[in-house]
Amino acid sequence: RNVTWEQALETILEARALQKIEKDGIIRIVSREQLAKEREALAKAEEAKLKAEIEVRTKIAEAEMKEHQVQERKLSQEAAAAEAQARGPLKEQVLRLAYADPGEVANTLQGVLGLGAQPIEPCIRISEGERETRVEFRTGGGGVTSGPIAEPPFSQLFGPPRTPEQTPPPLVPPEVLARGLAIRAHCATNSLFLRLYATDLDRVKKLILESLDIALPQVKIEARMEILDRTALEAIGIQWGGAGAGNAGKTTLVGQGFQPNFRPPGTGAFNVSPVNPNLDLSGVLPVTPGTGLPLGGNLVNLPISTLPNAAGVLPTAGLAFGIVGTNFNINLALEALATLGKTRNLARPEIVTVENHTASISLGEEIPYATVSSAGTQIQFKEASLKLEVIPMVIRETTDGQERTKIRMFVVVENNSRGEVVNLGASGSPPAINKRRARTQVLMNEGERLIIGGVTTGVQQETIRKVPIFGDIPVLGWLFKQKENFDTGRELVVFLTPSVLKTMVAAPAPGR
């Protein structure tokens, strides 16, 4: 009935809960339970196969790794043997240095050979204290070592190693300890103890003799330090006043300068010299012999001597005159002062220093002051000095077959001076220190002169004292005020002339 066999087969399979499997043109009819078991068995077989493949690959990889490790170990042993053969055996030697500091050389060799990062202090150390500069010399040694120096003569020369309580153990890498290498400085004999491989020892000796332990050039620095102080003062003052007087009913006009023939006043009377015997001023107030003005009778009293910067200074010019009428006396004195001062302090020190070392020059004073505390009264000091520090470095250049010498300098100039006293009450009154500092770095030819200026200070002061309201009147206001212009300045100029001493040319140490 128009039904294909495939349709009929599918209908039967569905009715019987069967499953059709077609493979390579063959159709199998199985139950669903059988099909599930077959698929589970197939999955287990695939899993077992995959596991077996993984195990095989793992064993192959382990075998290859072992073979690679064996090969690496063999190559490492061959390289170590070649390195040991190239370096040679361990050797010990003591080198006595002629010019260099053994502590500094040992510190340099540590970095060159990679024997640790423990810094070594130099044998000679300069420390700047508050009141003094101390030069300390270490008699011991220092450096990298892997243990005690075993046999004489080295143990006799350097002595046994210090105990951990005295000196902490150096930071030495484990590989250095394993190899038994050592670099130590002995300050008392200015020597280096070396325990290195033969090749490294030869290389280190060549480095020391040719580059490290050499005579450095010495630089002579001629310094000229000038301190210029300038002061300028202009002042004008006025005094005038009057008093009642009588002179036989006559009006008298008196014009006078500073009379050197005045005699000191007596008891309430003014006596003049016999130059004008017809003038009788016995009724006038007692006057001052220096100015001819009444004592205490000035309406405006603004002399120069009351100004802050002209206290106690006599005027250089003046004008005094008086008008005497029937019943009055008016006196007036004008004072003027102008001063100009210049002071020049000169110092010309010379100093010689080694290349790349500090040359220091200090000129000044230490100011004592007292302090009060629970411990009692103590004397403290503050330094006020002119200080110059220079670090030179010699550079030799060859241009067109001619050798030229240049000098690179790091320069620091400090000019500290005494300032005003600071009142701290019961704790004392220490002085303030005025500080001025200049720092520079310059490259110049040998023999050239370096000029450092600009370390200056200046004060400009204007003082006006006047009678309120009246002192502001144009022109006539000068009868009611005084004025002072004060200008002061200080300038430090430093001249530096460096030169290389020709007798000290860099060369290897002789006789080694």
Protein backbone atom coordinates (compact mmCIF):
# COMPACT_ATOMS: atom_id res chain seq x y z
CA ARG A 1 0.00 0.00 0.00
CA ASN A 2 2.45 2.67 -1.07
CA VAL A 3 4.55 2.31 2.17
CA THR A 4 8.33 2.06 1.83
CA TRP A 5 10.31 -0.43 3.83
CA GLU A 6 12.13 2.36 5.67
CA GLN A 7 8.82 3.75 6.91
CA ALA A 8 7.64 0.31 7.91
CA LEU A 9 10.94 -0.32 9.78
CA GLU A 10 10.72 2.93 11.67
CA THR A 11 7.17 2.09 12.73
CA ILE A 12 8.19 -1.30 14.05
CA LEU A 13 11.23 0.12 15.92
CA GLU A 14 9.11 2.70 17.66
CA ALA A 15 6.54 0.09 18.62
CA ARG A 16 9.19 -2.26 20.07
CA ALA A 17 11.43 0.44 21.71
CA LEU A 18 14.33 -0.48 19.49
CA GLN A 19 17.14 1.62 18.00
CA LYS A 20 18.61 1.54 14.51
CA ILE A 21 22.37 1.91 14.02
CA GLU A 22 23.73 2.28 10.49
CA LYS A 23 27.43 1.88 9.87
CA ASP A 24 29.27 1.11 6.63
CA GLY A 25 25.95 0.24 4.84
CA ILE A 26 24.92 -2.24 7.51
CA ILE A 27 21.87 -1.64 9.73
CA ARG A 28 21.84 -3.01 13.23
CA ILE A 29 18.75 -3.22 15.37
CA VAL A 30 19.42 -3.08 19.13
CA SER A 31 17.53 -2.17 22.23
CA ARG A 32 18.05 1.14 23.90
CA GLU A 33 19.59 -0.48 26.99
CA GLN A 34 22.08 -2.36 24.84
CA LEU A 35 22.95 0.83 22.97
CA ALA A 36 23.63 2.69 26.27
CA LYS A 37 25.90 -0.11 27.48
CA GLU A 38 27.81 -0.13 24.21
CA ARG A 39 28.30 3.62 24.33
CA GLU A 40 29.49 3.48 27.97
CA ALA A 41 31.95 0.72 27.12
CA LEU A 42 33.20 2.73 24.17
CA ALA A 43 33.73 5.82 26.35
CA LYS A 44 35.68 3.80 28.90
CA ALA A 45 37.84 2.38 26.17
CA GLU A 46 38.56 5.86 24.81
CA GLU A 47 39.38 7.13 28.29
CA ALA A 48 41.75 4.25 28.94
CA LYS A 49 43.43 4.82 25.62
CA LEU A 50 43.86 8.55 26.34
CA LYS A 51 45.25 7.83 29.82
CA ALA A 52 47.72 5.38 28.41
CA GLU A 53 48.88 7.95 25.87
CA ILE A 54 49.33 10.57 28.63
CA GLU A 55 51.38 8.18 30.73
CA VAL A 56 53.58 7.38 27.78
CA ARG A 57 54.11 11.05 27.02
CA THR A 58 54.89 11.80 30.70
CA LYS A 59 57.49 9.07 30.84
CA ILE A 60 59.05 10.34 27.63
CA ALA A 61 59.16 13.93 29.03
CA GLU A 62 60.71 12.76 32.30
CA ALA A 63 63.31 10.83 30.44
CA GLU A 64 64.11 13.82 28.26
CA MET A 65 64.30 16.09 31.35
CA LYS A 66 66.66 13.75 33.12
CA GLU A 67 68.81 13.58 30.05
CA HIS A 68 68.77 17.40 29.81
CA GLN A 69 69.73 17.75 33.49
CA VAL A 70 72.55 15.33 33.04
CA GLN A 71 73.70 17.29 30.03
CA GLU A 72 73.47 20.62 31.90
CA ARG A 73 75.34 19.22 34.87
CA LYS A 74 78.01 17.95 32.56
CA LEU A 75 78.28 21.32 30.81
CA SER A 76 78.35 23.14 34.18
CA GLN A 77 81.11 20.91 35.43
CA GLU A 78 83.04 21.45 32.22
CA ALA A 79 82.52 25.24 32.49
CA ALA A 80 83.56 25.25 36.15
CA ALA A 81 86.62 23.23 35.32
CA ALA A 82 87.46 25.57 32.46
CA GLU A 83 86.88 28.62 34.69
CA ALA A 84 88.99 27.16 37.47
CA GLN A 85 91.72 26.38 34.98
CA ALA A 86 91.49 29.90 33.55
CA ARG A 87 91.47 31.62 36.97
CA GLY A 88 94.16 29.49 38.43
CA PRO A 89 94.56 28.55 42.08
CA LEU A 90 93.77 30.77 45.07
CA LYS A 91 96.67 33.02 45.99
CA GLU A 92 97.37 35.46 48.81
CA GLN A 93 99.39 38.64 48.57
CA VAL A 94 99.95 41.85 50.52
CA LEU A 95 100.30 45.10 48.54
CA ARG A 96 101.69 48.17 50.26
CA LEU A 97 100.17 51.31 48.78
CA ALA A 98 102.15 54.50 48.30
CA TYR A 99 99.52 57.15 47.54
CA ALA A 100 95.98 55.79 47.85
CA ASP A 101 93.96 55.11 50.97
CA PRO A 102 93.70 51.31 51.43
CA GLY A 103 90.13 51.60 52.68
CA GLU A 104 89.03 53.46 49.56
CA VAL A 105 90.90 51.04 47.27
CA ALA A 106 89.36 48.02 49.02
CA ASN A 107 85.92 49.57 48.62
CA THR A 108 86.54 50.04 44.89
CA LEU A 109 87.80 46.47 44.42
CA GLN A 110 84.68 45.10 46.10
CA GLY A 111 82.54 46.66 43.39
CA VAL A 112 84.87 45.60 40.58
CA LEU A 113 84.95 41.93 41.65
CA GLY A 114 81.38 41.78 42.98
CA LEU A 115 82.43 40.63 46.44
CA GLY A 116 79.66 42.27 48.47
CA ALA A 117 78.04 45.59 49.23
CA GLN A 118 79.46 46.27 52.71
CA PRO A 119 81.04 49.78 52.56
CA ILE A 120 84.55 50.22 53.95
CA GLU A 121 85.50 53.40 55.77
CA PRO A 122 88.69 55.14 54.66
CA CYS A 123 91.69 55.05 56.96
CA ILE A 124 91.82 58.83 57.27
CA ARG A 125 88.52 60.49 58.06
CA ILE A 126 87.91 64.22 58.52
CA SER A 127 84.92 65.16 60.66
CA GLU A 128 83.58 68.68 60.98
CA GLY A 129 82.61 69.46 64.56
CA GLU A 130 80.77 72.44 65.95
CA ARG A 131 83.94 74.20 67.04
CA GLU A 132 86.77 72.18 65.52
CA THR A 133 87.79 69.96 62.64
CA ARG A 134 89.06 66.53 63.64
CA VAL A 135 91.28 64.24 61.58
CA GLU A 136 90.92 60.61 62.63
CA PHE A 137 93.19 57.74 61.61
CA ARG A 138 91.96 54.16 61.89
CA THR A 139 94.64 51.71 62.95
CA GLY A 140 92.53 48.61 62.24
CA GLY A 141 91.37 47.23 58.95
CA GLY A 142 88.25 46.44 57.03
CA GLY A 143 86.99 44.66 53.99
CA VAL A 144 85.38 41.51 52.69
CA THR A 145 86.62 38.19 54.00
CA SER A 146 85.24 34.67 54.20
CA GLY A 147 86.77 33.83 57.58
CA PRO A 148 89.92 34.21 59.66
CA ILE A 149 93.22 34.62 57.90
CA ALA A 150 94.62 31.20 58.56
CA GLU A 151 98.38 31.05 58.28
CA PRO A 152 101.34 33.37 58.91
CA PRO A 153 102.61 35.77 57.84
CA PHE A 154 99.16 37.19 57.20
CA SER A 155 97.70 36.30 60.59
CA GLN A 156 100.70 37.91 62.29
CA LEU A 157 100.33 41.05 60.19
CA PHE A 158 96.58 41.52 60.47
CA GLY A 159 95.80 39.64 63.65
CA PRO A 160 92.80 37.42 64.37
CA PRO A 161 89.36 38.51 63.20
CA ARG A 162 87.32 40.70 65.51
CA THR A 163 84.60 39.15 67.61
CA PRO A 164 80.97 39.81 66.66
CA GLU A 165 80.54 41.94 69.80
CA GLN A 166 83.08 44.46 68.51
CA THR A 167 82.32 44.50 64.80
CA PRO A 168 79.18 43.20 63.07
CA PRO A 169 79.87 40.57 60.41
CA PRO A 170 80.15 41.98 56.88
CA LEU A 171 77.43 41.38 54.35
CA VAL A 172 79.22 38.77 52.21
CA PRO A 173 77.33 36.79 49.56
CA PRO A 174 77.25 32.98 50.07
CA GLU A 175 79.18 32.37 46.87
CA VAL A 176 82.04 34.52 48.21
CA LEU A 177 82.07 32.51 51.42
CA ALA A 178 82.12 29.28 49.43
CA ARG A 179 85.06 30.41 47.31
CA GLY A 180 87.09 31.70 50.27
CA LEU A 181 87.95 35.09 48.70
CA ALA A 182 89.06 38.07 50.80
CA ILE A 183 90.00 41.76 50.44
CA ARG A 184 91.11 43.57 53.58
CA ALA A 185 92.68 46.95 54.30
CA HIS A 186 95.32 47.45 56.96
CA CYS A 187 95.57 51.13 57.82
CA ALA A 188 98.62 50.96 60.11
CA THR A 189 100.87 49.79 57.25
CA ASN A 190 98.79 51.34 54.44
CA SER A 191 98.50 47.86 52.92
CA LEU A 192 95.96 45.62 51.23
CA PHE A 193 95.59 41.89 51.87
CA LEU A 194 94.22 39.98 48.86
CA ARG A 195 93.10 36.36 48.67
CA LEU A 196 91.96 35.88 45.06
CA TYR A 197 92.32 33.58 42.11
CA ALA A 198 95.58 33.94 40.23
CA THR A 199 93.99 35.60 37.18
CA ASP A 200 91.89 37.98 39.29
CA LEU A 201 94.90 38.76 41.45
CA ASP A 202 96.98 39.74 38.41
CA ARG A 203 94.14 41.89 37.08
CA VAL A 204 93.65 43.59 40.44
CA LYS A 205 97.37 44.27 40.86
CA LYS A 206 97.50 45.86 37.42
CA LEU A 207 94.44 47.97 38.21
CA ILE A 208 95.96 49.15 41.49
CA LEU A 209 99.41 49.96 40.14
CA GLU A 210 98.23 51.71 36.96
CA SER A 211 94.98 53.41 37.96
CA LEU A 212 94.29 53.47 41.70
CA ASP A 213 97.59 53.90 43.56
CA ILE A 214 98.99 56.82 41.59
CA ALA A 215 100.15 60.30 42.52
CA LEU A 216 97.24 62.63 41.84
CA PRO A 217 97.98 66.12 40.52
CA GLN A 218 98.07 68.86 43.11
CA VAL A 219 96.27 72.12 42.53
CA LYS A 220 97.38 75.42 44.01
CA ILE A 221 94.52 77.82 44.63
CA GLU A 222 95.31 81.49 45.08
CA ALA A 223 92.37 83.26 46.68
CA ARG A 224 91.78 86.95 47.08
CA MET A 225 88.81 87.92 49.20
CA GLU A 226 87.72 91.54 49.48
CA ILE A 227 84.98 92.86 51.72
CA LEU A 228 83.82 96.35 50.80
CA ASP A 229 81.79 98.30 53.39
CA ARG A 230 80.10 101.52 52.29
CA THR A 231 78.30 104.01 54.51
CA ALA A 232 76.66 107.31 53.56
CA LEU A 233 74.90 109.68 55.96
CA GLU A 234 73.15 112.96 55.28
CA ALA A 235 71.43 114.81 58.11
CA ILE A 236 69.96 118.22 58.75
CA GLY A 237 68.63 119.59 62.04
CA ILE A 238 67.28 122.79 63.50
CA GLN A 239 66.94 124.50 66.89
CA TRP A 240 65.18 127.73 67.57
CA GLY A 241 63.41 129.49 70.39
CA GLY A 242 63.33 132.72 72.34
CA ALA A 243 62.88 134.46 75.65
CA GLY A 244 62.00 137.83 77.04
CA ALA A 245 64.90 140.31 77.40
CA GLY A 246 65.58 143.97 77.88
CA ASN A 247 68.49 146.17 76.85
CA ALA A 248 67.96 149.73 78.05
CA GLY A 249 64.93 150.19 75.80
CA LYS A 250 66.94 149.64 72.63
CA THR A 251 66.41 147.16 69.80
CA THR A 252 69.57 145.28 68.87
CA LEU A 253 70.18 142.96 65.91
CA VAL A 254 72.82 140.33 66.55
CA GLY A 255 74.28 138.12 63.79
CA GLN A 256 76.74 135.56 65.00
CA GLY A 257 78.32 132.27 64.00
CA PHE A 258 79.81 129.72 66.35
CA GLN A 259 81.84 131.99 68.61
CA PRO A 260 84.96 130.30 70.02
CA ASN A 261 85.43 133.17 72.52
CA PHE A 262 82.24 132.48 74.51
CA ARG A 263 82.82 131.84 78.15
CA PRO A 264 80.64 129.40 80.10
CA PRO A 265 77.62 131.10 81.63
CA GLY A 266 77.73 132.17 85.20
CA THR A 267 74.86 132.33 87.58
CA GLY A 268 72.01 133.25 85.28
CA ALA A 269 74.00 135.72 83.16
CA PHE A 270 75.66 135.58 79.77
CA ASN A 271 79.08 137.15 79.38
CA VAL A 272 80.64 137.84 76.01
CA SER A 273 84.20 138.53 75.10
CA PRO A 274 85.48 142.07 75.03
CA VAL A 275 85.05 142.08 71.23
CA ASN A 276 81.79 144.04 71.67
CA PRO A 277 81.84 145.62 75.13
CA ASN A 278 78.87 147.88 74.34
CA LEU A 279 76.47 144.90 74.03
CA ASP A 280 74.97 143.91 77.36
CA LEU A 281 72.86 140.71 77.33
CA SER A 282 72.82 140.12 81.05
CA GLY A 283 69.03 139.67 81.03
CA VAL A 284 69.06 136.78 78.54
CA LEU A 285 68.70 133.17 79.70
CA PRO A 286 71.95 131.21 80.27
CA VAL A 287 73.27 129.95 76.97
CA THR A 288 75.38 127.07 75.67
CA PRO A 289 78.96 128.04 74.81
CA GLY A 290 79.00 125.72 71.75
CA THR A 291 75.98 127.23 69.98
CA GLY A 292 75.16 130.48 71.74
CA LEU A 293 71.53 129.36 72.23
CA PRO A 294 69.57 129.61 75.48
CA LEU A 295 69.62 126.58 77.72
CA GLY A 296 66.17 125.01 77.78
CA GLY A 297 64.65 127.86 75.87
CA ASN A 298 64.18 126.20 72.45
CA LEU A 299 60.68 126.03 71.06
CA VAL A 300 61.79 123.53 68.36
CA ASN A 301 64.66 121.33 69.53
CA LEU A 302 65.62 118.89 66.72
CA PRO A 303 69.43 118.77 66.63
CA ILE A 304 71.42 116.23 64.60
CA SER A 305 72.62 114.46 67.73
CA THR A 306 69.10 113.10 68.34
CA LEU A 307 68.97 111.19 65.04
CA PRO A 308 69.49 107.39 65.32
CA ASN A 309 72.57 107.13 63.09
CA ALA A 310 74.14 110.48 64.03
CA ALA A 311 73.95 110.17 67.81
CA GLY A 312 76.94 111.82 69.42
CA VAL A 313 78.21 113.20 66.09
CA LEU A 314 78.98 116.88 65.82
CA PRO A 315 77.68 118.73 62.77
CA THR A 316 80.14 119.67 60.07
CA ALA A 317 78.47 122.98 59.28
CA GLY A 318 76.05 125.28 61.08
CA LEU A 319 74.51 128.69 61.23
CA ALA A 320 73.32 130.46 64.34
CA PHE A 321 71.91 133.93 64.72
CA GLY A 322 69.76 135.83 67.15
CA ILE A 323 67.42 138.82 67.08
CA VAL A 324 67.11 140.82 70.24
CA GLY A 325 64.31 143.35 70.51
CA THR A 326 63.10 145.53 73.32
CA ASN A 327 61.28 142.69 75.02
CA PHE A 328 62.23 139.52 73.18
CA ASN A 329 65.13 137.38 72.00
CA ILE A 330 64.86 134.83 69.13
CA ASN A 331 67.72 132.40 68.47
CA LEU A 332 68.03 129.91 65.61
CA ALA A 333 70.65 127.30 64.74
CA LEU A 334 70.83 125.18 61.59
CA GLU A 335 73.01 122.03 61.58
CA ALA A 336 74.07 119.95 58.60
CA LEU A 337 76.12 116.79 58.36
CA ALA A 338 77.21 114.61 55.46
CA THR A 339 79.53 111.63 55.88
CA LEU A 340 80.80 109.06 53.40
CA GLY A 341 82.85 106.09 54.49
CA LYS A 342 84.42 103.13 52.70
CA THR A 343 86.20 100.25 54.35
CA ARG A 344 88.14 97.56 52.51
CA ASN A 345 89.23 94.32 54.15
CA LEU A 346 91.59 92.21 52.11
CA ALA A 347 92.72 88.61 52.60
CA ARG A 348 94.98 86.71 50.19
CA PRO A 349 95.30 83.11 51.36
CA GLU A 350 96.89 80.36 49.26
CA ILE A 351 96.29 76.64 49.64
CA VAL A 352 97.36 73.44 47.86
CA THR A 353 95.14 70.37 47.64
CA VAL A 354 95.03 67.06 45.80
CA GLU A 355 92.64 66.59 42.92
CA ASN A 356 89.05 65.75 43.96
CA HIS A 357 89.75 66.66 47.58
CA THR A 358 88.32 69.64 49.46
CA ALA A 359 90.41 72.74 50.10
CA SER A 360 88.93 74.85 52.88
CA ILE A 361 89.83 78.36 54.06
CA SER A 362 88.09 79.98 57.02
CA LEU A 363 88.59 83.47 58.45
CA GLY A 364 86.47 84.80 61.28
CA GLU A 365 85.67 84.69 64.94
CA GLU A 366 83.78 82.69 67.52
CA ILE A 367 81.35 84.81 69.49
CA PRO A 368 80.93 83.80 73.15
CA TYR A 369 77.63 84.22 74.94
CA ALA A 370 76.20 83.01 78.22
CA THR A 371 73.24 80.67 78.63
CA VAL A 372 71.42 79.93 81.85
CA SER A 373 69.88 76.54 82.56
CA SER A 374 69.25 74.18 85.45
CA ALA A 375 72.93 73.18 85.25
CA GLY A 376 74.01 76.78 85.80
CA THR A 377 75.57 79.41 83.57
CA GLN A 378 77.44 78.08 80.58
CA ILE A 379 79.48 79.79 77.90
CA GLN A 380 78.45 78.89 74.36
CA PHE A 381 80.04 79.93 71.08
CA LYS A 382 78.69 80.87 67.69
CA GLU A 383 80.88 81.03 64.63
CA ALA A 384 80.82 84.07 62.37
CA SER A 385 83.35 83.55 59.63
CA LEU A 386 84.17 83.92 55.99
CA LYS A 387 84.56 80.41 54.59
CA LEU A 388 85.72 79.21 51.20
CA GLU A 389 85.60 75.58 50.03
CA VAL A 390 86.94 74.40 46.67
CA ILE A 391 87.06 70.91 45.13
CA PRO A 392 89.25 70.95 41.98
CA MET A 393 89.42 68.34 39.24
CA VAL A 394 92.16 68.42 36.57
CA ILE A 395 91.21 67.76 32.93
CA ARG A 396 93.93 67.35 30.32
CA GLU A 397 92.98 67.77 26.67
CA THR A 398 95.07 67.48 23.53
CA THR A 399 94.12 69.75 20.62
CA ASP A 400 96.23 70.04 17.45
CA GLY A 401 99.10 68.27 19.16
CA GLN A 402 99.11 70.71 22.09
CA GLU A 403 98.14 69.67 25.58
CA ARG A 404 95.84 72.01 27.44
CA THR A 405 94.99 71.82 31.10
CA LYS A 406 91.56 72.73 32.34
CA ILE A 407 90.33 72.74 35.90
CA ARG A 408 86.81 72.02 36.98
CA MET A 409 85.97 73.52 40.36
CA PHE A 410 83.11 73.18 42.80
CA VAL A 411 83.14 76.39 44.85
CA VAL A 412 81.18 77.29 47.99
CA VAL A 413 81.51 80.76 49.57
CA GLU A 414 79.93 81.59 52.92
CA ASN A 415 80.06 85.02 54.54
CA ASN A 416 78.59 84.88 58.03
CA SER A 417 78.71 87.96 60.22
CA ARG A 418 77.61 89.01 63.67
CA GLY A 419 74.02 90.21 63.82
CA GLU A 420 71.81 91.74 66.45
CA VAL A 421 71.60 90.29 69.92
CA VAL A 422 68.47 88.23 70.54
CA ASN A 423 67.12 88.58 74.06
CA LEU A 424 65.83 85.20 75.28
CA GLY A 425 65.15 86.35 78.80
CA ALA A 426 66.56 84.12 81.50
CA SER A 427 68.03 81.74 78.91
CA GLY A 428 70.59 84.29 77.74
CA SER A 429 71.14 86.71 74.87
CA PRO A 430 72.83 84.93 71.97
CA PRO A 431 73.79 86.94 68.90
CA ALA A 432 72.09 86.35 65.60
CA ILE A 433 74.28 85.26 62.68
CA ASN A 434 73.71 86.92 59.31
CA LYS A 435 74.38 84.28 56.65
CA ARG A 436 75.16 84.73 52.99
CA ARG A 437 76.09 81.79 50.75
CA ALA A 438 77.03 81.30 47.12
CA ARG A 439 77.68 77.96 45.40
CA THR A 440 78.83 77.39 41.85
CA GLN A 441 80.50 74.93 39.51
CA VAL A 442 82.78 76.17 36.75
CA LEU A 443 85.17 74.86 34.10
CA MET A 444 88.13 77.11 33.29
CA ASN A 445 91.60 77.01 31.81
CA GLU A 446 94.60 76.79 34.08
CA GLY A 447 95.75 80.23 35.18
CA GLU A 448 92.45 81.96 34.48
CA ARG A 449 90.82 83.96 37.25
CA LEU A 450 87.35 83.25 38.57
CA ILE A 451 85.47 86.18 40.10
CA ILE A 452 82.55 85.52 42.41
CA GLY A 453 80.47 88.53 43.42
CA GLY A 454 76.94 89.25 44.41
CA VAL A 455 77.32 88.20 48.04
CA THR A 456 76.00 91.58 49.15
CA THR A 457 73.78 93.17 51.74
CA GLY A 458 72.47 96.72 51.95
CA VAL A 459 70.34 98.90 54.20
CA GLN A 460 68.66 102.17 53.23
CA GLN A 461 67.07 104.14 56.03
CA GLU A 462 65.29 107.49 56.01
CA THR A 463 64.32 109.15 59.28
CA ILE A 464 62.15 112.26 59.57
CA ARG A 465 61.21 113.88 62.87
CA LYS A 466 58.89 116.86 62.79
CA VAL A 467 56.36 118.93 64.63
CA PRO A 468 52.88 117.76 63.61
CA ILE A 469 51.10 119.96 61.06
CA PHE A 470 53.85 122.61 61.06
CA GLY A 471 56.41 120.21 59.62
CA ASP A 472 54.21 119.64 56.54
CA ILE A 473 54.12 123.30 55.50
CA PRO A 474 56.00 123.78 52.19
CA VAL A 475 59.43 125.43 52.59
CA LEU A 476 58.67 126.82 56.05
CA GLY A 477 58.16 123.26 57.26
CA TRP A 478 61.95 122.83 57.47
CA LEU A 479 61.84 125.07 60.55
CA PHE A 480 59.87 122.34 62.30
CA LYS A 481 61.55 119.08 61.26
CA GLN A 482 64.82 117.21 60.90
CA LYS A 483 65.77 114.59 58.32
CA GLU A 484 68.35 111.83 58.01
CA ASN A 485 69.25 109.60 55.04
CA PHE A 486 71.42 106.63 55.96
CA ASP A 487 72.72 104.13 53.40
CA THR A 488 75.05 101.24 54.16
CA GLY A 489 76.17 98.27 52.10
CA ARG A 490 78.57 95.35 52.23
CA GLU A 491 79.84 93.35 49.27
CA LEU A 492 82.06 90.29 49.17
CA VAL A 493 84.14 89.69 46.06
CA VAL A 494 86.23 86.52 45.73
CA PHE A 495 88.98 86.04 43.13
CA LEU A 496 90.21 82.47 42.56
CA THR A 497 93.21 81.55 40.41
CA PRO A 498 93.88 77.79 40.18
CA SER A 499 97.08 76.28 38.80
CA VAL A 500 98.47 72.75 38.64
CA LEU A 501 101.82 72.19 40.32
CA LYS A 502 104.11 70.96 37.59
CA THR A 503 106.33 68.99 39.95
CA MET A 504 103.56 66.52 40.75
CA VAL A 505 102.52 64.72 37.58
CA ALA A 506 100.26 61.69 37.79
CA ALA A 507 102.41 58.54 37.54
CA PRO A 508 102.52 55.02 38.94
CA ALA A 509 104.13 54.58 42.32
CA PRO A 510 107.88 53.96 41.90
CA GLY A 511 109.76 50.92 43.10
CA ARG A 512 106.96 48.34 43.08
